[in-house]
Amino acid sequence: MDHTDGWMGGWMGGQMSIWMVLAILVVVVVVIKSLTRKKS
């Protein structure tokens, strides 16, 4: 767990945080689209 916290801290402190946020947004959009497709 300690190395995970350090990894997160390193990413949050650098520019890579921007790419991580973009990646999360993309995943969220894909999941929402897949859920809406299943409902309809």
N, C-alpha and C. Protein backbone atom coordinates (compact mmCIF):
# COMPACT_ATOMS: atom_id res chain seq x y z
N MET A 1 0.83 -1.20 0.00
CA MET A 1 0.00 0.00 0.00
C MET A 1 0.87 1.26 0.00
N ASP A 2 2.02 1.18 0.65
CA ASP A 2 2.89 2.36 0.74
C ASP A 2 3.38 2.77 -0.64
N HIS A 3 3.78 1.79 -1.46
CA HIS A 3 4.29 2.15 -2.79
C HIS A 3 3.17 2.68 -3.67
N THR A 4 1.92 2.26 -3.40
CA THR A 4 0.79 2.77 -4.18
C THR A 4 0.56 4.24 -3.85
N ASP A 5 0.63 4.59 -2.56
CA ASP A 5 0.42 5.98 -2.16
C ASP A 5 1.51 6.86 -2.77
N GLY A 6 2.75 6.38 -2.78
CA GLY A 6 3.85 7.15 -3.35
C GLY A 6 3.66 7.32 -4.84
N TRP A 7 3.14 6.27 -5.51
CA TRP A 7 2.90 6.34 -6.95
C TRP A 7 1.83 7.38 -7.25
N MET A 8 0.78 7.37 -6.46
CA MET A 8 -0.31 8.35 -6.65
C MET A 8 0.21 9.76 -6.39
N GLY A 9 1.00 9.93 -5.34
CA GLY A 9 1.54 11.24 -4.99
C GLY A 9 2.45 11.76 -6.10
N GLY A 10 3.25 10.86 -6.68
CA GLY A 10 4.15 11.27 -7.75
C GLY A 10 3.38 11.71 -8.98
N TRP A 11 2.31 10.98 -9.31
CA TRP A 11 1.50 11.34 -10.48
C TRP A 11 0.75 12.63 -10.25
N MET A 12 0.19 12.77 -9.04
CA MET A 12 -0.58 13.97 -8.74
C MET A 12 0.31 15.21 -8.73
N GLY A 13 1.57 15.03 -8.37
CA GLY A 13 2.49 16.15 -8.28
C GLY A 13 3.07 16.54 -9.63
N GLY A 14 2.91 15.67 -10.65
CA GLY A 14 3.49 15.95 -11.96
C GLY A 14 2.45 16.22 -13.02
N GLN A 15 2.91 16.41 -14.25
CA GLN A 15 1.99 16.69 -15.35
C GLN A 15 1.19 15.44 -15.74
N MET A 16 1.68 14.26 -15.35
CA MET A 16 1.00 13.02 -15.70
C MET A 16 -0.41 12.98 -15.12
N SER A 17 -0.67 13.81 -14.09
CA SER A 17 -2.00 13.84 -13.50
C SER A 17 -3.03 14.25 -14.54
N ILE A 18 -2.62 15.13 -15.47
CA ILE A 18 -3.54 15.58 -16.52
C ILE A 18 -3.96 14.40 -17.39
N TRP A 19 -2.99 13.58 -17.77
CA TRP A 19 -3.30 12.42 -18.62
C TRP A 19 -4.11 11.40 -17.85
N MET A 20 -3.87 11.29 -16.54
CA MET A 20 -4.64 10.33 -15.73
C MET A 20 -6.10 10.76 -15.65
N VAL A 21 -6.32 12.07 -15.48
CA VAL A 21 -7.69 12.59 -15.42
C VAL A 21 -8.39 12.36 -16.75
N LEU A 22 -7.68 12.61 -17.86
CA LEU A 22 -8.27 12.39 -19.19
C LEU A 22 -8.62 10.92 -19.37
N ALA A 23 -7.74 10.04 -18.92
CA ALA A 23 -7.99 8.59 -19.06
C ALA A 23 -9.23 8.20 -18.27
N ILE A 24 -9.37 8.75 -17.05
CA ILE A 24 -10.53 8.44 -16.22
C ILE A 24 -11.81 8.93 -16.89
N LEU A 25 -11.75 10.13 -17.46
CA LEU A 25 -12.93 10.69 -18.13
C LEU A 25 -13.33 9.81 -19.30
N VAL A 26 -12.35 9.35 -20.08
CA VAL A 26 -12.64 8.49 -21.23
C VAL A 26 -13.31 7.20 -20.76
N VAL A 27 -12.78 6.61 -19.70
CA VAL A 27 -13.34 5.36 -19.18
C VAL A 27 -14.78 5.58 -18.72
N VAL A 28 -15.02 6.68 -18.02
CA VAL A 28 -16.37 6.99 -17.52
C VAL A 28 -17.34 7.14 -18.69
N VAL A 29 -16.92 7.85 -19.75
CA VAL A 29 -17.78 8.05 -20.91
C VAL A 29 -18.10 6.71 -21.57
N VAL A 30 -17.09 5.86 -21.71
CA VAL A 30 -17.31 4.55 -22.34
C VAL A 30 -18.27 3.71 -21.51
N VAL A 31 -18.11 3.73 -20.19
CA VAL A 31 -18.99 2.95 -19.32
C VAL A 31 -20.42 3.46 -19.41
N ILE A 32 -20.59 4.78 -19.39
CA ILE A 32 -21.93 5.37 -19.47
C ILE A 32 -22.59 4.99 -20.80
N LYS A 33 -21.82 5.08 -21.89
CA LYS A 33 -22.37 4.73 -23.20
C LYS A 33 -22.79 3.26 -23.24
N SER A 34 -21.98 2.39 -22.67
CA SER A 34 -22.30 0.95 -22.68
C SER A 34 -23.54 0.69 -21.84
N LEU A 35 -23.68 1.40 -20.71
CA LEU A 35 -24.85 1.20 -19.86
C LEU A 35 -26.11 1.71 -20.55
N THR A 36 -26.03 2.85 -21.23
CA THR A 36 -27.19 3.39 -21.91
C THR A 36 -27.59 2.49 -23.07
N ARG A 37 -26.62 1.87 -23.73
CA ARG A 37 -26.92 0.96 -24.84
C ARG A 37 -27.65 -0.27 -24.32
N LYS A 38 -27.23 -0.77 -23.15
CA LYS A 38 -27.87 -1.96 -22.60
C LYS A 38 -29.31 -1.64 -22.18
N LYS A 39 -29.53 -0.47 -21.61
CA LYS A 39 -30.88 -0.09 -21.17
C LYS A 39 -31.80 0.07 -22.39
N SER A 40 -31.32 0.71 -23.44
CA SER A 40 -32.15 0.95 -24.62
C SER A 40 -32.04 -0.23 -25.61
